[in-house]
Amino acid sequence: MRKKQAIINAILYICLTVVLIVTLFPVVYTILASFKTNAEILTNPGSMLPKDPSVDNYVQAWTSESFHVPTLLRNSLIYTLVNVFTTLLVSSMAGYVFARGHFRFKKLIFYCFTALMFIKTGGITIYATFKVLTAIHLDRSLFALMVVHLFGIPIVNIYLIKGNVETIPIDIDEAAKIEGCSFIGIFYRIILPLLKPILATIGILAFNSSWNEYLMPNIFTLTTPGQRTLIVGLMALKSSGASAASWNLMLAGATIAMIPVLAAFAFCNKYFVKGIAAGAVKG
C-alpha cells in the first residue's frame, strides 16, 4: 500500500513539475532575454542565456522618448492603485450591507446583481459609456476610465465579502450596538479588520486585472498618448514601424511590468488562499 502511494505521489510531483516548467518558461525567457542585445535576440532567439549580459536595454527603455517607462509606469501605478482602492471600498461596503443590512427587496436586488456574473456584454457598452461621460462633461482620458470603474458593480467580490461577513457571529454586532456603535461604526471598527484575508485576495485580483488591462485603457488614451499605461505602451511599441528594432526594449519593458504583480502576490500570498476559502463558505 505504501509503495502504491509512493508511486502515485511520484507521478503527481512529476506532473506538477512539468506544469511548473511550462508555466515559468515564458517568464524566465523574457527576463533573461531582456539582458540580450537586439541583434542577439533576432539572430539567436532560441538561446536562453545571454552571451554578453547588459543592462543597456533597461537604460534605453527608461530614457527613451517614444517609450518613456517612468511616465508609463507612473500612469499604470495611479490607474491600478485607484482601481484597487475603489474596488475594495465598494465591494466591502456592499458585501457588508447585503450580509447585515435590513431593507426591502434586499434579496431581489442581490439576485439581480448576481445575475450580472453570467452576462458578458463585451464591447457593446463602450459607445453607451462614452455617451454618459459626454453628458457629465468628461473627456476620454485615464481619469474618466477610473470614474467608470468607480461606478461598476464588482459582483464577484461583493459575493465573496458577503459570504465572509456571514461567517462572523452576529453576537459581535449585538455587543457593539449595546456599546453605542452605529451600523457604519460596526463596519469600520469591527467587521472591516476581520476581513483582511478576503480583502487581500480581492486586492491582488483587482491589482492584477487593472495592471494588465489593455482594451479600455487603450481606447480611453488614443487621443492622449501621455496617459498610456505600461501595457498599452508596450503594445503600441510592438505595433509601431520600429518594432523590429525594439524587441530588446519590449522585453525590458515586459520585465518591468511583471515586477509589481509578482511583488503584490509575494506580499499578500499568505492571505490569498485563506481569503478565497473563507469567502466561499457561505453565499
Protein backbone atom coordinates (compact mmCIF):
# COMPACT_ATOMS: atom_id res chain seq x y z
CA MET A 1 0.00 0.00 0.00
CA ARG A 2 2.79 2.41 0.87
CA LYS A 3 4.61 1.52 -2.35
CA LYS A 4 1.49 2.25 -4.39
CA GLN A 5 1.01 5.60 -2.63
CA ALA A 6 4.68 6.48 -3.21
CA ILE A 7 4.29 5.76 -6.94
CA ILE A 8 1.15 7.93 -7.11
CA ASN A 9 2.94 10.76 -5.28
CA ALA A 10 5.93 10.47 -7.62
CA ILE A 11 3.69 10.70 -10.71
CA LEU A 12 1.86 13.65 -9.17
CA TYR A 13 5.11 15.50 -8.44
CA ILE A 14 6.39 14.83 -11.95
CA CYS A 15 3.18 16.22 -13.49
CA LEU A 16 3.28 19.29 -11.24
CA THR A 17 6.95 19.85 -12.10
CA VAL A 18 6.16 19.71 -15.83
CA VAL A 19 3.29 22.19 -15.38
CA LEU A 20 5.58 24.46 -13.34
CA ILE A 21 8.29 24.41 -16.02
CA VAL A 22 5.79 25.11 -18.82
CA THR A 23 4.23 27.96 -16.80
CA LEU A 24 7.51 29.60 -15.77
CA PHE A 25 9.34 29.19 -19.08
CA PRO A 26 7.89 32.34 -20.77
CA VAL A 27 8.61 34.41 -17.65
CA VAL A 28 12.19 33.16 -17.30
CA TYR A 29 12.84 33.54 -21.04
CA THR A 30 11.53 37.14 -21.01
CA ILE A 31 13.71 38.10 -18.04
CA LEU A 32 16.87 36.51 -19.47
CA ALA A 33 16.26 37.84 -22.99
CA SER A 34 15.84 41.37 -21.61
CA PHE A 35 19.60 41.37 -20.95
CA LYS A 36 20.45 40.47 -24.57
CA THR A 37 21.27 42.88 -27.36
CA ASN A 38 18.65 43.29 -30.07
CA ALA A 39 20.99 41.67 -32.61
CA GLU A 40 21.35 38.56 -30.42
CA ILE A 41 17.58 38.34 -29.94
CA LEU A 42 16.99 38.43 -33.71
CA THR A 43 19.83 36.14 -34.77
CA ASN A 44 19.62 33.57 -31.97
CA PRO A 45 16.11 33.64 -30.46
CA GLY A 46 16.29 30.02 -29.25
CA SER A 47 19.11 30.68 -26.84
CA MET A 48 18.09 31.10 -23.20
CA LEU A 49 21.19 32.63 -21.64
CA PRO A 50 22.57 35.92 -23.00
CA LYS A 51 26.15 35.71 -24.31
CA ASP A 52 27.08 39.15 -23.04
CA PRO A 53 24.55 40.29 -20.39
CA SER A 54 23.93 44.01 -20.28
CA VAL A 55 21.51 46.43 -18.59
CA ASP A 56 21.60 48.81 -21.56
CA ASN A 57 18.07 47.76 -22.56
CA TYR A 58 16.70 48.99 -19.23
CA VAL A 59 18.65 52.24 -19.52
CA GLN A 60 17.29 52.82 -23.04
CA ALA A 61 13.73 51.94 -22.00
CA TRP A 62 13.98 54.29 -19.02
CA THR A 63 15.28 57.23 -21.06
CA SER A 64 13.57 56.64 -24.44
CA GLU A 65 11.28 59.44 -25.63
CA SER A 66 8.99 57.15 -27.67
CA PHE A 67 8.78 54.53 -24.91
CA HIS A 68 9.30 56.50 -21.71
CA VAL A 69 9.00 53.88 -18.96
CA PRO A 70 8.82 56.30 -15.95
CA THR A 71 5.73 58.02 -17.42
CA LEU A 72 4.07 54.75 -18.42
CA LEU A 73 4.90 53.22 -15.04
CA ARG A 74 3.51 56.23 -13.18
CA ASN A 75 0.25 56.08 -15.17
CA SER A 76 -0.08 52.33 -14.54
CA LEU A 77 0.52 52.72 -10.81
CA ILE A 78 -2.01 55.56 -10.43
CA TYR A 79 -4.63 53.75 -12.51
CA THR A 80 -4.12 50.42 -10.73
CA LEU A 81 -3.98 51.74 -7.17
CA VAL A 82 -7.09 53.89 -7.65
CA ASN A 83 -8.97 50.91 -9.10
CA VAL A 84 -7.84 48.63 -6.28
CA PHE A 85 -8.94 51.20 -3.67
CA THR A 86 -12.37 51.77 -5.25
CA THR A 87 -12.89 48.02 -5.75
CA LEU A 88 -12.09 47.30 -2.10
CA LEU A 89 -14.27 50.19 -0.90
CA VAL A 90 -17.33 49.33 -3.00
CA SER A 91 -17.02 45.56 -2.51
CA SER A 92 -16.57 45.69 1.27
CA MET A 93 -19.39 48.18 1.88
CA ALA A 94 -21.84 46.47 -0.49
CA GLY A 95 -20.99 43.00 0.84
CA TYR A 96 -21.49 44.19 4.42
CA VAL A 97 -24.84 45.82 3.62
CA PHE A 98 -26.15 42.70 1.87
CA ALA A 99 -24.96 40.50 4.74
CA ARG A 100 -26.05 42.60 7.74
CA GLY A 101 -28.46 45.19 6.36
CA HIS A 102 -32.24 45.02 6.59
CA PHE A 103 -34.17 46.76 3.82
CA ARG A 104 -36.95 46.00 1.37
CA PHE A 105 -36.18 43.89 -1.70
CA LYS A 106 -32.68 43.09 -0.42
CA LYS A 107 -32.74 39.54 -1.77
CA LEU A 108 -34.23 40.62 -5.09
CA ILE A 109 -31.56 43.31 -5.59
CA PHE A 110 -28.80 40.86 -4.69
CA TYR A 111 -30.19 38.25 -7.09
CA CYS A 112 -30.26 40.87 -9.85
CA PHE A 113 -26.64 41.76 -9.13
CA THR A 114 -25.71 38.07 -9.02
CA ALA A 115 -27.26 37.56 -12.45
CA LEU A 116 -24.69 40.03 -13.82
CA MET A 117 -22.00 37.38 -13.26
CA PHE A 118 -23.49 35.40 -16.14
CA ILE A 119 -23.86 38.31 -18.57
CA LYS A 120 -20.91 39.33 -20.74
CA THR A 121 -21.57 42.35 -22.92
CA GLY A 122 -18.02 42.64 -24.29
CA GLY A 123 -17.50 45.93 -26.13
CA ILE A 124 -21.21 46.62 -26.69
CA THR A 125 -21.39 49.09 -23.80
CA ILE A 126 -18.39 51.19 -24.88
CA TYR A 127 -20.44 53.60 -27.00
CA ALA A 128 -23.03 53.99 -24.24
CA THR A 129 -20.23 54.65 -21.76
CA PHE A 130 -18.86 57.42 -23.97
CA LYS A 131 -22.32 58.99 -24.20
CA VAL A 132 -22.64 59.02 -20.41
CA LEU A 133 -19.18 60.53 -20.00
CA THR A 134 -20.03 63.22 -22.56
CA ALA A 135 -23.23 64.01 -20.67
CA ILE A 136 -21.28 64.64 -17.46
CA HIS A 137 -18.60 66.60 -19.36
CA LEU A 138 -15.75 64.11 -19.03
CA ASP A 139 -13.35 63.66 -21.94
CA ARG A 140 -11.76 60.36 -22.90
CA SER A 141 -8.86 60.04 -20.50
CA LEU A 142 -7.40 57.74 -17.90
CA PHE A 143 -9.21 59.74 -15.21
CA ALA A 144 -12.55 59.19 -16.98
CA LEU A 145 -11.88 55.45 -17.09
CA MET A 146 -11.20 55.45 -13.34
CA VAL A 147 -14.57 57.15 -12.83
CA VAL A 148 -16.21 54.42 -14.93
CA HIS A 149 -14.61 51.76 -12.73
CA LEU A 150 -15.83 53.57 -9.60
CA PHE A 151 -19.46 53.11 -10.67
CA GLY A 152 -19.02 49.49 -11.68
CA ILE A 153 -20.56 46.56 -9.79
CA PRO A 154 -17.86 44.05 -8.75
CA ILE A 155 -20.45 41.37 -8.01
CA VAL A 156 -17.96 38.51 -7.59
CA ASN A 157 -16.08 40.50 -4.96
CA ILE A 158 -19.33 41.51 -3.26
CA TYR A 159 -20.32 37.85 -3.19
CA LEU A 160 -17.03 36.92 -1.50
CA ILE A 161 -17.32 39.71 1.08
CA LYS A 162 -20.95 38.82 1.84
CA GLY A 163 -20.04 35.17 2.42
CA ASN A 164 -17.14 36.16 4.64
CA VAL A 165 -19.20 38.58 6.74
CA GLU A 166 -21.86 35.90 7.26
CA THR A 167 -19.25 33.67 8.91
CA ILE A 168 -18.72 36.31 11.63
CA PRO A 169 -21.04 35.72 14.62
CA ILE A 170 -23.92 38.18 14.78
CA ASP A 171 -23.36 38.39 18.56
CA ILE A 172 -20.38 40.65 17.90
CA ASP A 173 -22.68 43.16 16.21
CA GLU A 174 -25.17 42.99 19.07
CA ALA A 175 -22.43 43.60 21.64
CA ALA A 176 -21.19 46.60 19.65
CA LYS A 177 -24.71 48.05 19.45
CA ILE A 178 -25.02 47.82 23.23
CA GLU A 179 -21.79 49.85 23.48
CA GLY A 180 -23.37 52.52 21.28
CA CYS A 181 -21.80 51.61 17.92
CA SER A 182 -23.82 52.51 14.81
CA PHE A 183 -24.30 50.33 11.73
CA ILE A 184 -21.45 52.12 9.94
CA GLY A 185 -19.32 52.13 13.11
CA ILE A 186 -19.64 48.36 13.42
CA PHE A 187 -18.43 48.02 9.87
CA TYR A 188 -15.33 50.22 10.24
CA ARG A 189 -14.35 49.26 13.79
CA ILE A 190 -15.21 45.55 13.95
CA ILE A 191 -16.11 43.92 10.64
CA LEU A 192 -13.50 45.57 8.40
CA PRO A 193 -10.47 44.47 10.48
CA LEU A 194 -11.78 40.88 10.37
CA LEU A 195 -11.98 40.99 6.57
CA LYS A 196 -8.23 41.37 5.98
CA PRO A 197 -7.71 37.94 4.31
CA ILE A 198 -10.54 38.33 1.81
CA LEU A 199 -9.70 41.99 1.18
CA ALA A 200 -6.10 41.00 0.42
CA THR A 201 -7.39 38.37 -2.01
CA ILE A 202 -9.68 40.84 -3.77
CA GLY A 203 -6.89 43.43 -3.80
CA ILE A 204 -4.48 41.03 -5.53
CA LEU A 205 -7.06 40.05 -8.15
CA ALA A 206 -8.01 43.70 -8.75
CA PHE A 207 -4.35 44.73 -8.95
CA ASN A 208 -3.56 42.01 -11.48
CA SER A 209 -6.65 42.79 -13.56
CA SER A 210 -6.09 46.56 -13.66
CA TRP A 211 -2.34 46.37 -14.19
CA ASN A 212 -2.67 44.02 -17.17
CA GLU A 213 -5.79 45.63 -18.65
CA TYR A 214 -5.30 46.69 -22.26
CA LEU A 215 -8.51 47.27 -24.21
CA MET A 216 -10.23 50.01 -22.18
CA PRO A 217 -7.06 51.98 -21.27
CA ASN A 218 -6.06 51.84 -24.94
CA ILE A 219 -9.44 53.17 -26.11
CA PHE A 220 -9.54 55.92 -23.49
CA THR A 221 -5.98 57.14 -24.19
CA LEU A 222 -6.00 57.05 -28.01
CA THR A 223 -6.03 60.85 -28.15
CA THR A 224 -3.78 61.31 -25.09
CA PRO A 225 -0.62 59.19 -25.55
CA GLY A 226 0.93 60.79 -22.46
CA GLN A 227 -1.67 58.99 -20.32
CA ARG A 228 -0.96 55.50 -21.64
CA THR A 229 -0.34 52.71 -19.16
CA LEU A 230 2.72 50.49 -19.40
CA ILE A 231 0.83 47.61 -21.06
CA VAL A 232 -0.71 49.97 -23.64
CA GLY A 233 2.71 51.50 -24.29
CA LEU A 234 4.24 48.05 -24.82
CA MET A 235 1.58 47.09 -27.35
CA ALA A 236 1.92 50.46 -29.09
CA LEU A 237 5.66 49.89 -29.42
CA LYS A 238 5.02 46.38 -30.77
CA SER A 239 2.63 47.75 -33.39
CA SER A 240 4.89 50.61 -34.46
CA GLY A 241 7.05 50.57 -37.56
CA ALA A 242 10.19 50.43 -35.40
CA SER A 243 9.07 47.28 -33.55
CA ALA A 244 11.52 45.05 -35.46
CA ALA A 245 14.37 47.06 -33.98
CA SER A 246 12.89 47.33 -30.49
CA TRP A 247 12.50 43.77 -29.19
CA ASN A 248 15.10 44.50 -26.55
CA LEU A 249 13.06 47.47 -25.26
CA MET A 250 9.84 45.47 -25.31
CA LEU A 251 11.37 42.62 -23.31
CA ALA A 252 12.87 45.05 -20.82
CA GLY A 253 9.52 46.81 -20.50
CA ALA A 254 7.70 43.49 -20.09
CA THR A 255 10.09 42.51 -17.31
CA ILE A 256 9.49 45.82 -15.54
CA ALA A 257 5.73 45.30 -15.96
CA MET A 258 5.92 41.89 -14.25
CA ILE A 259 7.72 43.13 -11.14
CA PRO A 260 4.78 44.92 -9.40
CA VAL A 261 2.40 41.98 -9.96
CA LEU A 262 4.92 39.44 -8.66
CA ALA A 263 5.65 41.69 -5.69
CA ALA A 264 1.93 42.00 -4.88
CA PHE A 265 1.49 38.24 -4.95
CA ALA A 266 4.59 37.68 -2.84
CA PHE A 267 3.49 40.27 -0.27
CA CYS A 268 -0.13 39.08 0.08
CA ASN A 269 0.31 35.39 -0.72
CA LYS A 270 -0.39 34.19 2.84
CA TYR A 271 -3.84 35.80 2.74
CA PHE A 272 -4.77 34.66 -0.78
CA VAL A 273 -5.90 31.04 -0.31
CA LYS A 274 -7.25 31.78 3.17
CA GLY A 275 -9.41 34.58 1.83
CA ILE A 276 -10.80 32.52 -1.07
CA ALA A 277 -11.67 29.62 1.25
CA ALA A 278 -13.28 31.87 3.86
CA GLY A 279 -15.38 33.78 1.36
CA ALA A 280 -16.68 30.60 -0.26
CA VAL A 281 -18.15 29.16 2.94
CA LYS A 282 -21.49 30.92 2.58
CA GLY A 283 -23.17 32.72 -0.29
